[in-house]
Structures are given as structure tokens and as C-alpha cells.
Protein backbone atom coordinates (compact mmCIF):
# COMPACT_ATOMS: atom_id res chain seq x y z
CA MET A 1 -87.91 80.12 -35.30
CA SER A 2 -87.97 78.38 -31.91
CA THR A 3 -90.19 75.69 -31.04
CA ILE A 4 -91.41 77.59 -27.87
CA ASP A 5 -92.67 80.25 -30.13
CA THR A 6 -94.07 78.38 -32.55
CA GLU A 7 -96.31 77.08 -29.59
CA ILE A 8 -97.26 80.76 -28.49
CA PRO A 9 -101.08 81.88 -29.92
CA LYS A 10 -101.01 84.83 -31.37
CA ALA A 11 -103.33 87.85 -30.20
CA ASN A 12 -105.01 90.68 -31.51
CA THR A 13 -103.42 94.15 -30.80
CA ARG A 14 -106.18 96.45 -29.46
CA GLY A 15 -106.62 98.65 -32.17
CA ARG A 16 -106.69 95.82 -34.33
CA VAL A 17 -110.09 94.65 -32.95
CA ILE A 18 -111.80 97.66 -32.59
CA LEU A 19 -111.03 98.70 -36.00
CA ALA A 20 -111.96 95.62 -37.77
CA SER A 21 -114.95 95.28 -35.88
CA LEU A 22 -115.31 98.46 -36.88
CA VAL A 23 -114.69 98.48 -39.91
CA GLY A 24 -117.17 95.99 -40.73
CA THR A 25 -120.18 96.46 -39.34
CA SER A 26 -119.41 100.35 -40.86
CA ILE A 27 -119.36 99.15 -43.55
CA GLU A 28 -122.58 96.26 -43.61
CA PHE A 29 -124.91 98.72 -42.37
CA TYR A 30 -124.01 101.28 -44.78
CA ASP A 31 -124.95 99.09 -47.74
CA PHE A 32 -127.80 98.57 -45.67
CA TYR A 33 -128.42 101.70 -45.17
CA VAL A 34 -128.35 102.60 -49.06
CA TYR A 35 -130.75 100.46 -49.95
CA ALA A 36 -133.04 101.07 -47.07
CA THR A 37 -132.76 104.86 -48.09
CA ALA A 38 -133.33 104.33 -51.94
CA ALA A 39 -136.15 102.12 -51.01
CA VAL A 40 -137.93 105.26 -50.08
CA LEU A 41 -136.44 107.59 -52.52
CA VAL A 42 -136.48 106.24 -55.95
CA PHE A 43 -137.36 102.69 -55.41
CA PRO A 44 -140.63 102.35 -55.97
CA LYS A 45 -141.27 104.44 -59.36
CA LEU A 46 -138.10 102.53 -60.22
CA PHE A 47 -139.34 98.86 -60.39
CA PHE A 48 -142.94 99.10 -60.10
CA PRO A 49 -143.57 101.79 -62.94
CA ASN A 50 -147.06 100.38 -64.09
CA ALA A 51 -149.16 100.74 -59.85
CA ASP A 52 -150.54 103.87 -58.01
CA ASP A 53 -148.34 105.40 -55.80
CA VAL A 54 -149.18 103.55 -52.61
CA THR A 55 -148.87 100.27 -54.41
CA GLN A 56 -145.41 101.45 -55.71
CA LEU A 57 -144.38 102.59 -51.78
CA LEU A 58 -146.03 99.13 -50.04
CA SER A 59 -144.30 97.02 -52.83
CA SER A 60 -141.08 98.31 -52.48
CA PHE A 61 -141.22 98.42 -48.42
CA ALA A 62 -142.31 94.95 -49.07
CA ILE A 63 -139.06 93.99 -50.61
CA PHE A 64 -137.25 96.04 -47.68
CA GLY A 65 -138.70 93.65 -45.40
CA VAL A 66 -137.12 90.64 -47.03
CA ALA A 67 -134.03 91.44 -45.21
CA PHE A 68 -136.02 90.19 -42.08
CA VAL A 69 -136.66 87.25 -42.88
CA ALA A 70 -133.11 86.77 -43.98
CA ARG A 71 -131.03 87.95 -41.14
CA PRO A 72 -132.04 85.37 -38.15
CA LEU A 73 -131.38 82.78 -41.20
CA GLY A 74 -128.52 84.27 -41.53
CA SER A 75 -127.20 83.94 -37.62
CA ILE A 76 -128.12 80.51 -38.22
CA LEU A 77 -125.98 79.80 -41.35
CA PHE A 78 -122.85 82.27 -40.41
CA GLY A 79 -123.45 81.01 -37.15
CA HIS A 80 -122.93 77.71 -37.83
CA PHE A 81 -119.60 77.90 -39.58
CA GLY A 82 -118.73 80.45 -37.63
CA ASP A 83 -118.30 78.06 -34.76
CA ARG A 84 -117.55 75.51 -36.48
CA VAL A 85 -114.52 76.84 -38.50
CA GLY A 86 -113.95 79.78 -36.92
CA ARG A 87 -114.90 84.03 -35.88
CA LYS A 88 -112.15 85.26 -39.00
CA GLY A 89 -113.27 82.63 -41.63
CA THR A 90 -116.88 83.57 -41.41
CA LEU A 91 -116.58 87.30 -40.85
CA VAL A 92 -114.74 87.90 -44.57
CA ALA A 93 -117.41 85.60 -45.51
CA SER A 94 -120.27 88.02 -44.40
CA LEU A 95 -118.92 91.36 -45.74
CA LEU A 96 -118.27 89.81 -49.15
CA THR A 97 -121.38 88.49 -49.45
CA MET A 98 -123.03 91.74 -47.93
CA GLY A 99 -120.34 93.67 -50.82
CA ILE A 100 -121.84 91.73 -54.06
CA ALA A 101 -125.26 91.70 -53.46
CA THR A 102 -125.15 95.61 -52.64
CA PHE A 103 -122.65 95.75 -55.96
CA LEU A 104 -125.59 93.81 -58.04
CA ILE A 105 -127.96 96.38 -56.95
CA GLY A 106 -126.47 99.05 -58.40
CA CYS A 107 -126.06 97.10 -61.50
CA LEU A 108 -129.69 96.38 -61.92
CA PRO A 109 -132.32 97.06 -65.14
CA THR A 110 -135.13 98.66 -63.98
CA ALA A 111 -138.28 97.23 -64.52
CA GLN A 112 -139.27 100.69 -66.63
CA ILE A 113 -136.82 98.94 -69.29
CA GLY A 114 -138.24 96.31 -71.87
CA GLY A 115 -138.63 93.20 -70.79
CA TRP A 116 -137.01 93.96 -67.15
CA THR A 117 -141.04 93.95 -65.57
CA PHE A 118 -140.64 91.05 -63.87
CA TRP A 119 -137.04 90.02 -63.38
CA ALA A 120 -135.64 93.33 -62.21
CA PRO A 121 -137.97 93.15 -58.89
CA ALA A 122 -137.32 89.58 -58.86
CA LEU A 123 -133.48 90.08 -58.70
CA LEU A 124 -133.89 93.48 -55.95
CA VAL A 125 -135.86 90.49 -53.87
CA VAL A 126 -133.51 87.99 -54.29
CA LEU A 127 -130.36 90.87 -53.60
CA ARG A 128 -132.16 91.93 -50.96
CA PHE A 129 -132.34 88.76 -48.77
CA ALA A 130 -128.35 88.02 -49.48
CA GLN A 131 -128.30 91.42 -47.92
CA GLY A 132 -129.99 89.80 -45.15
CA LEU A 133 -128.36 86.69 -44.88
CA ALA A 134 -124.76 88.97 -44.64
CA LEU A 135 -125.87 90.98 -41.62
CA GLY A 136 -127.60 88.52 -39.37
CA GLY A 137 -123.78 87.08 -39.91
CA GLU A 138 -121.92 90.24 -39.78
CA TRP A 139 -123.51 91.65 -36.55
CA SER A 140 -122.41 88.28 -34.48
CA GLY A 141 -119.06 87.97 -35.12
CA ALA A 142 -118.09 91.61 -35.05
CA ALA A 143 -119.71 91.32 -31.16
CA LEU A 144 -117.61 87.92 -30.68
CA LEU A 145 -114.31 89.46 -32.43
CA ALA A 146 -115.13 92.45 -30.04
CA THR A 147 -115.99 91.06 -26.72
CA GLU A 148 -113.36 87.66 -27.02
CA ASN A 149 -110.36 89.60 -27.67
CA ALA A 150 -111.09 92.45 -24.67
CA PRO A 151 -110.43 92.27 -20.56
CA LYS A 152 -112.87 91.09 -18.00
CA ASN A 153 -113.98 93.85 -16.75
CA LYS A 154 -113.98 96.25 -20.41
CA ARG A 155 -116.32 93.85 -22.39
CA ALA A 156 -119.08 96.06 -22.78
CA ILE A 157 -116.76 98.93 -23.87
CA TYR A 158 -115.00 96.62 -26.58
CA GLY A 159 -118.41 95.78 -27.24
CA THR A 160 -119.63 98.88 -28.14
CA PHE A 161 -117.59 99.20 -31.20
CA PRO A 162 -118.92 96.94 -33.60
CA GLN A 163 -122.36 98.86 -32.84
CA LEU A 164 -120.75 101.97 -33.41
CA GLY A 165 -121.01 100.81 -37.26
CA ALA A 166 -124.43 101.04 -37.47
CA PRO A 167 -124.42 105.07 -37.05
CA ILE A 168 -121.51 105.49 -39.22
CA GLY A 169 -123.02 103.61 -41.50
CA PHE A 170 -125.90 105.58 -41.96
CA ILE A 171 -124.33 108.42 -41.87
CA ILE A 172 -121.79 107.85 -44.56
CA ALA A 173 -124.93 106.39 -46.82
CA HIS A 174 -127.33 108.87 -45.78
CA LEU A 175 -124.28 112.12 -47.07
CA LEU A 176 -123.85 110.48 -50.23
CA PHE A 177 -127.50 110.36 -50.72
CA LEU A 178 -127.58 114.19 -49.72
CA LEU A 179 -124.27 115.23 -52.11
CA LEU A 180 -126.21 113.49 -55.02
CA ASN A 181 -129.71 115.36 -54.83
CA LEU A 182 -127.87 118.60 -54.05
CA THR A 183 -125.19 117.95 -57.55
CA LEU A 184 -127.70 115.70 -59.89
CA SER A 185 -131.07 116.74 -61.23
CA ALA A 186 -134.16 114.37 -60.15
CA ASP A 187 -134.18 113.00 -64.09
CA ALA A 188 -130.43 112.22 -63.34
CA PHE A 189 -130.64 110.71 -60.03
CA ALA A 190 -133.70 108.63 -60.97
CA ALA A 191 -131.39 107.55 -64.30
CA TRP A 192 -127.78 106.68 -63.45
CA GLY A 193 -126.96 108.53 -59.69
CA TRP A 194 -129.63 106.09 -57.25
CA ARG A 195 -126.42 103.28 -58.92
CA ILE A 196 -123.58 105.93 -57.11
CA PRO A 197 -123.64 104.54 -53.70
CA PHE A 198 -124.55 100.77 -54.53
CA LEU A 199 -121.49 100.62 -56.26
CA ALA A 200 -119.36 103.11 -54.04
CA SER A 201 -119.32 99.90 -51.86
CA ALA A 202 -116.81 97.43 -53.67
CA VAL A 203 -114.24 100.05 -52.88
CA MET A 204 -115.63 99.97 -49.39
CA VAL A 205 -115.34 96.17 -49.12
CA ILE A 206 -111.90 96.01 -50.26
CA ILE A 207 -111.01 98.32 -47.58
CA GLY A 208 -112.96 95.72 -44.79
CA LEU A 209 -110.64 93.01 -46.10
CA TYR A 210 -107.62 93.92 -45.61
CA VAL A 211 -108.56 95.03 -42.34
CA ARG A 212 -109.98 91.64 -41.60
CA LEU A 213 -108.04 89.33 -43.10
CA LYS A 214 -104.75 90.46 -40.66
CA LEU A 215 -107.08 89.00 -37.97
CA VAL A 216 -105.90 86.46 -36.28
CA GLU A 217 -109.40 84.22 -34.04
CA THR A 218 -110.42 84.65 -30.80
CA PRO A 219 -108.83 83.28 -27.66
CA ALA A 220 -112.12 81.66 -27.09
CA PHE A 221 -112.24 80.10 -30.63
CA GLN A 222 -108.51 78.97 -30.04
CA LYS A 223 -109.23 77.06 -26.84
CA VAL A 224 -111.95 75.12 -28.42
CA VAL A 225 -109.69 74.37 -31.16
CA GLU A 226 -107.09 73.59 -29.05
CA GLN A 227 -109.48 71.41 -26.60
CA GLY A 228 -111.04 69.00 -29.54
CA GLU A 229 -114.37 70.86 -28.46
CA VAL A 230 -115.41 71.99 -31.96
CA SER A 231 -118.95 71.37 -32.61
CA LYS A 232 -120.29 69.56 -34.94
CA LEU A 233 -123.91 71.39 -35.00
CA PRO A 234 -123.58 73.93 -32.90
CA ILE A 235 -126.99 75.07 -34.06
CA GLY A 236 -128.51 72.08 -32.07
CA ARG A 237 -126.33 72.30 -29.47
CA VAL A 238 -128.06 76.38 -28.97
CA PHE A 239 -131.50 75.16 -29.31
CA ARG A 240 -130.97 71.85 -26.40
CA THR A 241 -128.71 73.61 -23.68
CA SER A 242 -129.21 76.99 -24.38
CA TRP A 243 -133.07 77.93 -25.40
CA LYS A 244 -133.80 80.49 -22.42
CA GLN A 245 -131.18 82.27 -23.31
CA LEU A 246 -132.20 82.28 -27.14
CA ILE A 247 -135.60 83.30 -26.71
CA LEU A 248 -134.82 86.29 -24.50
CA GLY A 249 -132.03 87.38 -26.98
CA THR A 250 -134.66 87.33 -29.33
CA PHE A 251 -137.03 89.93 -28.00
CA ILE A 252 -134.36 92.02 -26.69
CA MET A 253 -133.25 92.42 -30.11
CA LEU A 254 -137.24 92.30 -31.05
CA ALA A 255 -137.50 95.54 -28.92
CA THR A 256 -134.16 97.40 -29.75
CA TYR A 257 -134.45 96.72 -33.79
CA VAL A 258 -138.49 98.19 -33.78
CA LEU A 259 -137.05 101.12 -32.31
CA PHE A 260 -133.85 101.16 -34.43
CA TYR A 261 -136.24 100.79 -38.07
CA LEU A 262 -138.94 103.14 -36.59
CA MET A 263 -136.33 105.70 -35.97
CA THR A 264 -134.21 105.17 -39.81
CA THR A 265 -137.12 104.57 -42.28
CA PHE A 266 -140.16 104.91 -40.96
CA THR A 267 -139.18 108.48 -40.27
CA LEU A 268 -137.55 109.14 -43.76
CA THR A 269 -141.13 108.05 -45.24
CA PHE A 270 -142.91 110.40 -42.78
CA GLY A 271 -140.61 113.43 -42.61
CA THR A 272 -141.03 113.75 -46.53
CA THR A 273 -144.23 112.94 -47.20
CA ALA A 274 -146.55 116.03 -47.75
CA ALA A 275 -148.50 117.80 -44.50
CA SER A 276 -151.96 117.78 -45.96
CA LEU A 277 -153.60 116.37 -48.89
CA ASP A 278 -153.94 118.86 -50.96
CA ALA A 279 -149.87 119.79 -51.13
CA ALA A 280 -150.15 116.22 -52.42
CA LYS A 281 -151.76 116.66 -55.25
CA ALA A 282 -150.58 119.89 -56.38
CA ALA A 283 -146.97 118.05 -55.79
CA ALA A 284 -148.11 114.93 -58.17
CA ALA A 285 -149.57 117.05 -60.53
CA LYS A 286 -146.20 119.55 -61.02
CA ALA A 287 -144.77 116.26 -61.09
CA GLY A 288 -146.93 115.60 -64.34
CA LYS A 289 -148.99 112.33 -62.56
CA PRO A 290 -151.91 113.47 -61.47
CA MET A 291 -152.76 111.26 -57.78
CA THR A 292 -155.48 108.21 -58.19
CA GLN A 293 -158.94 107.87 -56.13
CA SER A 294 -157.34 104.93 -54.36
CA ALA A 295 -153.73 107.37 -53.72
CA ILE A 296 -155.98 110.18 -52.02
CA ASP A 297 -158.35 107.41 -50.18
CA ALA A 298 -155.24 106.10 -48.94
CA PHE A 299 -153.24 109.68 -47.99
CA VAL A 300 -152.10 110.02 -44.40
CA PRO A 301 -150.09 113.11 -43.86
CA GLY A 302 -146.91 113.32 -42.99
CA LEU A 303 -144.38 116.37 -41.85
CA GLY A 304 -143.51 117.84 -45.51
CA TYR A 305 -140.20 118.79 -45.67
CA SER A 306 -138.04 118.10 -48.90
CA ARG A 307 -136.02 115.18 -49.57
CA ASN A 308 -132.75 117.22 -48.42
CA ASP A 309 -133.64 118.73 -45.74
CA PHE A 310 -134.37 115.94 -44.24
CA LEU A 311 -131.99 113.89 -44.98
CA LEU A 312 -130.00 116.56 -43.02
CA MET A 313 -131.84 116.07 -39.95
CA LEU A 314 -131.72 112.64 -39.55
CA ILE A 315 -127.75 113.18 -40.41
CA ILE A 316 -127.88 115.43 -37.36
CA GLY A 317 -129.80 113.06 -35.63
CA VAL A 318 -127.51 110.52 -35.84
CA VAL A 319 -124.84 112.33 -34.68
CA PHE A 320 -126.75 111.81 -31.02
CA PHE A 321 -126.97 108.15 -31.75
CA GLY A 322 -122.70 107.69 -32.32
CA ILE A 323 -122.36 109.57 -29.10
CA PHE A 324 -124.93 107.62 -26.64
CA THR A 325 -123.82 104.60 -28.07
CA LEU A 326 -119.71 105.21 -27.12
CA VAL A 327 -121.66 106.99 -24.08
CA ALA A 328 -123.60 104.03 -23.25
CA GLY A 329 -120.72 101.02 -23.09
CA PRO A 330 -119.17 102.32 -19.86
CA ILE A 331 -123.07 102.96 -18.25
CA ALA A 332 -122.53 99.32 -18.71
CA GLU A 333 -119.72 98.80 -17.81
CA LYS A 334 -120.15 100.11 -14.18
CA TYR A 335 -123.63 99.67 -12.94
CA GLY A 336 -123.92 96.38 -14.89
CA ARG A 337 -126.03 95.26 -18.16
CA ARG A 338 -128.50 93.87 -16.49
CA LYS A 339 -129.60 97.87 -14.11
CA SER A 340 -128.88 99.73 -17.11
CA LEU A 341 -131.34 97.86 -19.82
CA PRO A 342 -134.72 98.23 -17.97
CA VAL A 343 -134.33 101.59 -16.82
CA ILE A 344 -133.33 102.48 -20.68
CA THR A 345 -135.99 100.19 -22.08
CA ALA A 346 -138.93 102.13 -19.54
CA LEU A 347 -137.52 105.52 -21.09
CA THR A 348 -138.26 104.70 -24.55
CA PHE A 349 -141.77 103.49 -23.78
CA VAL A 350 -142.17 107.05 -22.32
CA PHE A 351 -140.63 108.37 -25.30
CA GLY A 352 -143.59 106.45 -27.69
CA LEU A 353 -146.25 108.29 -25.83
CA CYS A 354 -144.47 112.01 -27.03
CA PHE A 355 -144.88 111.03 -30.99
CA VAL A 356 -147.77 113.01 -31.34
CA PRO A 357 -146.41 115.89 -29.58
CA LEU A 358 -143.50 116.46 -30.36
CA VAL A 359 -143.36 115.77 -34.12
CA ALA A 360 -147.21 118.58 -34.25
CA GLY A 361 -144.61 121.11 -32.63
CA GLY A 362 -143.48 122.03 -35.98
CA PHE A 363 -139.22 122.25 -37.12
CA VAL A 364 -137.90 122.64 -33.23
CA GLY A 365 -140.63 119.37 -32.22
CA ALA A 366 -139.52 117.05 -34.98
CA MET A 367 -135.65 117.87 -34.04
CA ALA A 368 -136.26 116.66 -30.63
CA TRP A 369 -137.76 113.79 -31.51
CA LEU A 370 -134.77 112.72 -33.61
CA ILE A 371 -132.01 113.08 -31.02
CA ILE A 372 -133.98 112.09 -28.08
CA GLY A 373 -135.08 108.92 -30.11
CA PHE A 374 -131.70 108.21 -31.17
CA THR A 375 -130.30 109.38 -27.80
CA LEU A 376 -132.08 106.24 -26.28
CA MET A 377 -131.35 104.45 -29.16
CA GLY A 378 -127.63 104.41 -28.47
CA LEU A 379 -128.10 104.17 -25.15
CA THR A 380 -130.62 100.99 -25.81
CA PHE A 381 -128.34 99.52 -28.98
CA GLY A 382 -124.47 100.26 -27.49
CA PRO A 383 -124.13 97.50 -24.48
CA MET A 384 -126.25 94.79 -26.57
CA GLY A 385 -122.72 93.71 -27.95
CA ALA A 386 -121.66 92.65 -24.62
CA PHE A 387 -125.24 91.63 -23.52
CA LEU A 388 -126.12 89.06 -26.17
CA PRO A 389 -122.63 87.01 -26.30
CA GLU A 390 -122.58 87.49 -22.54
CA LEU A 391 -125.89 85.23 -22.45
CA PHE A 392 -123.73 82.32 -23.49
CA PRO A 393 -121.25 81.83 -20.83
CA ASN A 394 -117.83 81.06 -21.61
CA LYS A 395 -117.59 77.76 -20.83
CA ARG A 396 -120.01 77.59 -23.93
CA PRO A 397 -118.28 79.43 -26.67
CA VAL A 398 -118.69 76.09 -28.90
CA TYR A 399 -121.40 77.68 -30.24
CA ARG A 400 -121.45 81.38 -29.42
CA PHE A 401 -122.23 82.28 -32.85
CA CYS A 402 -124.91 80.04 -33.00
CA GLY A 403 -126.53 82.02 -29.89
């Protein structure tokens, strides 16, 4: 090989960029959703068996919420190394962190086993925290991988592919839970079936690692290295020189994820909760665990769908999430991110006012609620992969991952 050949920087092909960003985020969101689904369906009774129904659910959601504390810390941690040592290595590390944490959750003893009443939920907190750290680093890195390799006039389109990992991961996770619910008895699912989605993560992570290890660094980071501009403390430079962009990006994503978890985790709980107190009492009596007075006092009626029916309804809704995530890219490219996002945000506000009349409309109303909500979610979520990196201009790629 000639000297000239060795000086030509390697570049990622378009297909490799799209595949690496899509596969990685799909796996990470799959892992994240597997926990979210289990937190509603089985974890309350497995990890808090001695509490009443309300306390069980609240405790399970409290551990679910640990990831929201960890995600910004993960963004800082992985962002620091992403701007110090490169996007590729950091993306591999975030994928491994998520995969190992998810696999270990599948190996955990439950609090129903003697001697594990404290340690089982405590270890679950630690592993859930690790999941949050990993996802905090994954999303930023995948968005940069896509947009820093994209042609200038196609960044919004490229930026939708890491975003598409969210609906794909959701569909895979929920299809697997639905399959297990259909093929296993309730006792078998609670005893060991719930572990399968967590353990299956190991296979998916191996596939993701194979794809990502073939990547080379993005052109933007290669340029930073060549010019000797790698920052020793990227996060410090973010707060010092781009704090306005940081605050703006934080509030934009906060609004986006409120809708995101409203349409995923909350709806699963609300949809599968008994539609009346009498129905809840009957279900509890049938299970051999009559409702306590505190559970009766705190009862809030839901839609009363079976677990399998509502999982299928969610999957249908998320298909629209995926479709409109892809549609959002060309729209944002044609009309601009700053013009399209306020319009979609206004529509989301109007949608929120329609919650009561829609869910009161039976199956058709509930299905309309899911389809409209996930459509708006896709239109909101899709452009974010390009919009947030663009808050931190090309002249500042030295700390873009941290941002």
C-alpha cells in the first residue's frame, strides 16, 4: 500500500451508517422496553410480594423511574468519552452496558425467595440505573453517528434512523411478551417465562457489536483529532460556551419524552386496569388475593382490557409511530426543523385535551387515542436526531456528544 493510500481517511458507507445506528438503538430500546413492560405485568408481585397491590405497583414504577435519573448522568459520562476518545468506542461501551444489565436482570432471584426480600429489589435498582446510563449514552452517540456521516441536505433523513430504533425495539419487546403470554400459563410466565426477553438480549447485543465494530470514526471527529482540538473536559466547555443550547435541548426532549412514556408505559397500566371496582374485586378474589381496604380506597378505574388484547393494541399503535418517524425526516428537511416542530407541538397539546372523550369511546376510541398519539410521537421524535446535534454547530464537534 502506498503512502498516499494510508493518508486517505476511511469513511463509513451509507448502508453501514444506517444499519449501525438503527440496530444499536433498536437493541437498546428493546432492552429498555422489556423492563418497562415487566414493571407493569410481573415485577410488582415478584419483587414486592409483601406489599398491597397499590404499593407493589408504585414501588415497581419507582424503580422504573430510576433510569430517568441515570439517563442525564449517562449522557454526561458517555458524552465525555465520546468527545475524548471517539464515537465508535463509546457506542460499543453503551451497548455492552445495556446488554449486560438487561441480561443480569433476567438472572436475578426474586423477593419471593427466602433471604432475597431486600437484595432482589436492591439489585434491580442497580441494574435499572445501569440501563439508564447506557441509554443516555446510546441515543446521543447514535444520532451523531448518523448525522455526522450524512450529506448536508439529508441530515434530518439520516437522523430518523436512530430514532426508528424506538418503535422497532418496542414492537420486538411487546411481540415477545405477547407470544409468551399466549403460550405459557400465568404461573409459568411468573415463575420463569418473564426472564426470556431479558436473557434474549444477549443474542441481540452480539449482533449489534458485530455491526458496530466494523465502523470507523465520523468525519467530524476525525477532523477534531487531526487538528489536535480534542478537549480534556468537554462537559466543562458545554456549560461554559453552549449553556443556552443545552437548556433549550433539555426542555425540548423533556416535552418529547413526556408524550413518549405517556403513550407507552402509562397506557399499558391504564389499559389493563379493571374498568370498575367490582371488576377489580372479582379479579382479585379469583386470584385468591382479595383487595385490601387501602387498595380499594386508592383504586382508579382503567379500560379493563386483557393483557394480551392491549399488548396487541399497543403494537398496532407503535407501527404508526415507526411510519411517521420516517415521514418526519423528509418533512423536517423540506420545511425546516424550526418550522415543523412548533406545529407538531401545538397539535400534541390539542391531542392531550381529547384524552377523556377518546378513551370513553370504547374500543374504537381507545384505538384512535393510540394511533393519533403514536403518530404525533413519530412526527415529534423523528426530527430530534438531527435537530439536537445541530444546536451545537459544526465548528464545535469537539463537545457535541456531551451536548
